[in-house]
Amino acid sequence: MRFSELAGKEVISIDEGARLGIISETDLVIDTESGTIRSLVVPNRGTFLRRRTLVIPFHGIKKIGHDLIIVDLSTMEDEARYLRELDLDE
């Protein structure tokens, strides 16, 4: 599946049925060696005082439909640990 096919789709939580964002507002972490998507990074979700970034691994994507992507938040990874693993400071 190409990124252009994902663009504009809404990301929805399977547990809550809540809208988490739109793919154009999220980041995709891609494994450059294999060309596969490692995870979706959905920024600034939560209340005004408790904003957090959701890091959803690819196996947390349950269904990609015509207009939306359904994800399982129970597979969500810890943001700080995930960013350390990416080692973005290099």
C-alpha atoms as a PDB file:
ATOM      1  CA  MET A   1       0.000   0.000   0.000  1.00  0.00           C
ATOM      2  CA  ARG A   2       1.329   3.441  -0.911  1.00  0.00           C
ATOM      3  CA  PHE A   3       1.333   6.462   1.380  1.00  0.00           C
ATOM      4  CA  SER A   4      -0.953   8.262  -1.074  1.00  0.00           C
ATOM      5  CA  GLU A   5      -3.547   5.549  -0.425  1.00  0.00           C
ATOM      6  CA  LEU A   6      -3.302   6.144   3.356  1.00  0.00           C
ATOM      7  CA  ALA A   7      -3.397   9.965   3.223  1.00  0.00           C
ATOM      8  CA  GLY A   8      -6.624  11.444   4.542  1.00  0.00           C
ATOM      9  CA  LYS A   9      -7.792   8.307   6.363  1.00  0.00           C
ATOM     10  CA  GLU A  10      -8.946   8.795   9.945  1.00  0.00           C
ATOM     11  CA  VAL A  11      -7.257   6.816  12.726  1.00  0.00           C
ATOM     12  CA  ILE A  12      -9.878   5.344  15.098  1.00  0.00           C
ATOM     13  CA  SER A  13      -9.411   3.475  18.396  1.00  0.00           C
ATOM     14  CA  ILE A  14     -11.076   0.052  18.334  1.00  0.00           C
ATOM     15  CA  ASP A  15     -11.720   0.148  22.110  1.00  0.00           C
ATOM     16  CA  GLU A  16     -13.213   3.619  22.476  1.00  0.00           C
ATOM     17  CA  GLY A  17     -14.332   4.342  18.926  1.00  0.00           C
ATOM     18  CA  ALA A  18     -12.570   7.686  19.368  1.00  0.00           C
ATOM     19  CA  ARG A  19     -11.003   9.637  16.540  1.00  0.00           C
ATOM     20  CA  LEU A  20      -7.244   9.866  17.168  1.00  0.00           C
ATOM     21  CA  GLY A  21      -6.241  11.849  14.113  1.00  0.00           C
ATOM     22  CA  ILE A  22      -5.819  11.786  10.368  1.00  0.00           C
ATOM     23  CA  ILE A  23      -2.897  10.110   8.621  1.00  0.00           C
ATOM     24  CA  SER A  24      -1.810  13.451   7.124  1.00  0.00           C
ATOM     25  CA  GLU A  25      -1.419  14.766  10.713  1.00  0.00           C
ATOM     26  CA  THR A  26       0.538  11.735  11.924  1.00  0.00           C
ATOM     27  CA  ASP A  27       4.043  10.474  11.312  1.00  0.00           C
ATOM     28  CA  LEU A  28       4.887   7.095   9.882  1.00  0.00           C
ATOM     29  CA  VAL A  29       8.079   5.407  11.077  1.00  0.00           C
ATOM     30  CA  ILE A  30       9.396   3.362   8.171  1.00  0.00           C
ATOM     31  CA  ASP A  31      12.111   0.726   8.215  1.00  0.00           C
ATOM     32  CA  THR A  32      14.354   1.993   5.419  1.00  0.00           C
ATOM     33  CA  GLU A  33      15.937  -1.401   4.827  1.00  0.00           C
ATOM     34  CA  SER A  34      12.704  -3.310   4.232  1.00  0.00           C
ATOM     35  CA  GLY A  35      10.413  -0.407   3.272  1.00  0.00           C
ATOM     36  CA  THR A  36       7.785  -1.498   5.804  1.00  0.00           C
ATOM     37  CA  ILE A  37       5.879   0.694   8.238  1.00  0.00           C
ATOM     38  CA  ARG A  38       7.124   0.190  11.809  1.00  0.00           C
ATOM     39  CA  SER A  39       4.593   2.410  13.557  1.00  0.00           C
ATOM     40  CA  LEU A  40       2.185   5.338  13.488  1.00  0.00           C
ATOM     41  CA  VAL A  41       3.027   8.319  15.676  1.00  0.00           C
ATOM     42  CA  VAL A  42      -0.092  10.338  16.518  1.00  0.00           C
ATOM     43  CA  PRO A  43       0.880  13.690  18.119  1.00  0.00           C
ATOM     44  CA  ASN A  44      -0.731  15.685  20.925  1.00  0.00           C
ATOM     45  CA  ARG A  45      -3.623  13.527  22.025  1.00  0.00           C
ATOM     46  CA  GLY A  46      -5.292  13.898  25.386  1.00  0.00           C
ATOM     47  CA  THR A  47      -6.522  16.774  27.506  1.00  0.00           C
ATOM     48  CA  PHE A  48      -5.082  20.276  27.520  1.00  0.00           C
ATOM     49  CA  LEU A  49      -2.894  19.615  30.566  1.00  0.00           C
ATOM     50  CA  ARG A  50      -1.970  16.000  29.762  1.00  0.00           C
ATOM     51  CA  ARG A  51      -0.938  15.943  26.130  1.00  0.00           C
ATOM     52  CA  ARG A  52       0.870  12.867  24.917  1.00  0.00           C
ATOM     53  CA  THR A  53       2.073  11.313  21.724  1.00  0.00           C
ATOM     54  CA  LEU A  54       0.658   7.911  20.819  1.00  0.00           C
ATOM     55  CA  VAL A  55       3.111   5.439  19.299  1.00  0.00           C
ATOM     56  CA  ILE A  56       1.160   2.593  17.713  1.00  0.00           C
ATOM     57  CA  PRO A  57       3.213  -0.295  16.282  1.00  0.00           C
ATOM     58  CA  PHE A  58       2.217  -1.727  12.921  1.00  0.00           C
ATOM     59  CA  HIS A  59       0.809  -4.879  14.531  1.00  0.00           C
ATOM     60  CA  GLY A  60      -1.599  -2.573  16.416  1.00  0.00           C
ATOM     61  CA  ILE A  61      -3.314  -1.672  13.140  1.00  0.00           C
ATOM     62  CA  LYS A  62      -6.326  -3.968  13.025  1.00  0.00           C
ATOM     63  CA  LYS A  63      -8.044  -2.875   9.807  1.00  0.00           C
ATOM     64  CA  ILE A  64      -7.411  -0.448   6.965  1.00  0.00           C
ATOM     65  CA  GLY A  65     -10.703   0.482   5.372  1.00  0.00           C
ATOM     66  CA  HIS A  66     -11.804   2.858   2.641  1.00  0.00           C
ATOM     67  CA  ASP A  67     -12.058   5.918   4.921  1.00  0.00           C
ATOM     68  CA  LEU A  68     -10.413   4.892   8.181  1.00  0.00           C
ATOM     69  CA  ILE A  69      -7.761   2.894   9.964  1.00  0.00           C
ATOM     70  CA  ILE A  70      -8.766   1.009  13.114  1.00  0.00           C
ATOM     71  CA  VAL A  71      -6.039   0.630  15.741  1.00  0.00           C
ATOM     72  CA  ASP A  72      -5.741  -1.204  19.061  1.00  0.00           C
ATOM     73  CA  LEU A  73      -4.370   1.153  21.747  1.00  0.00           C
ATOM     74  CA  SER A  74      -3.502  -1.769  24.026  1.00  0.00           C
ATOM     75  CA  THR A  75      -0.486  -2.325  21.735  1.00  0.00           C
ATOM     76  CA  MET A  76       0.688   1.262  22.213  1.00  0.00           C
ATOM     77  CA  GLU A  77       4.373   1.706  23.045  1.00  0.00           C
ATOM     78  CA  ASP A  78       5.923   4.035  25.624  1.00  0.00           C
ATOM     79  CA  GLU A  79       6.810   7.279  23.829  1.00  0.00           C
ATOM     80  CA  ALA A  80      10.055   8.033  25.710  1.00  0.00           C
ATOM     81  CA  ARG A  81      11.411   4.494  25.301  1.00  0.00           C
ATOM     82  CA  TYR A  82      10.446   4.447  21.651  1.00  0.00           C
ATOM     83  CA  LEU A  83      12.240   7.737  20.941  1.00  0.00           C
ATOM     84  CA  ARG A  84      15.362   6.456  22.696  1.00  0.00           C
ATOM     85  CA  GLU A  85      15.300   3.374  20.481  1.00  0.00           C
ATOM     86  CA  LEU A  86      15.080   5.535  17.366  1.00  0.00           C
ATOM     87  CA  ASP A  87      18.108   7.505  18.594  1.00  0.00           C
ATOM     88  CA  LEU A  88      17.134  10.688  16.747  1.00  0.00           C
ATOM     89  CA  ASP A  89      20.037  12.670  18.185  1.00  0.00           C
ATOM     90  CA  GLU A  90      22.568  11.304  15.665  1.00  0.00           C
END
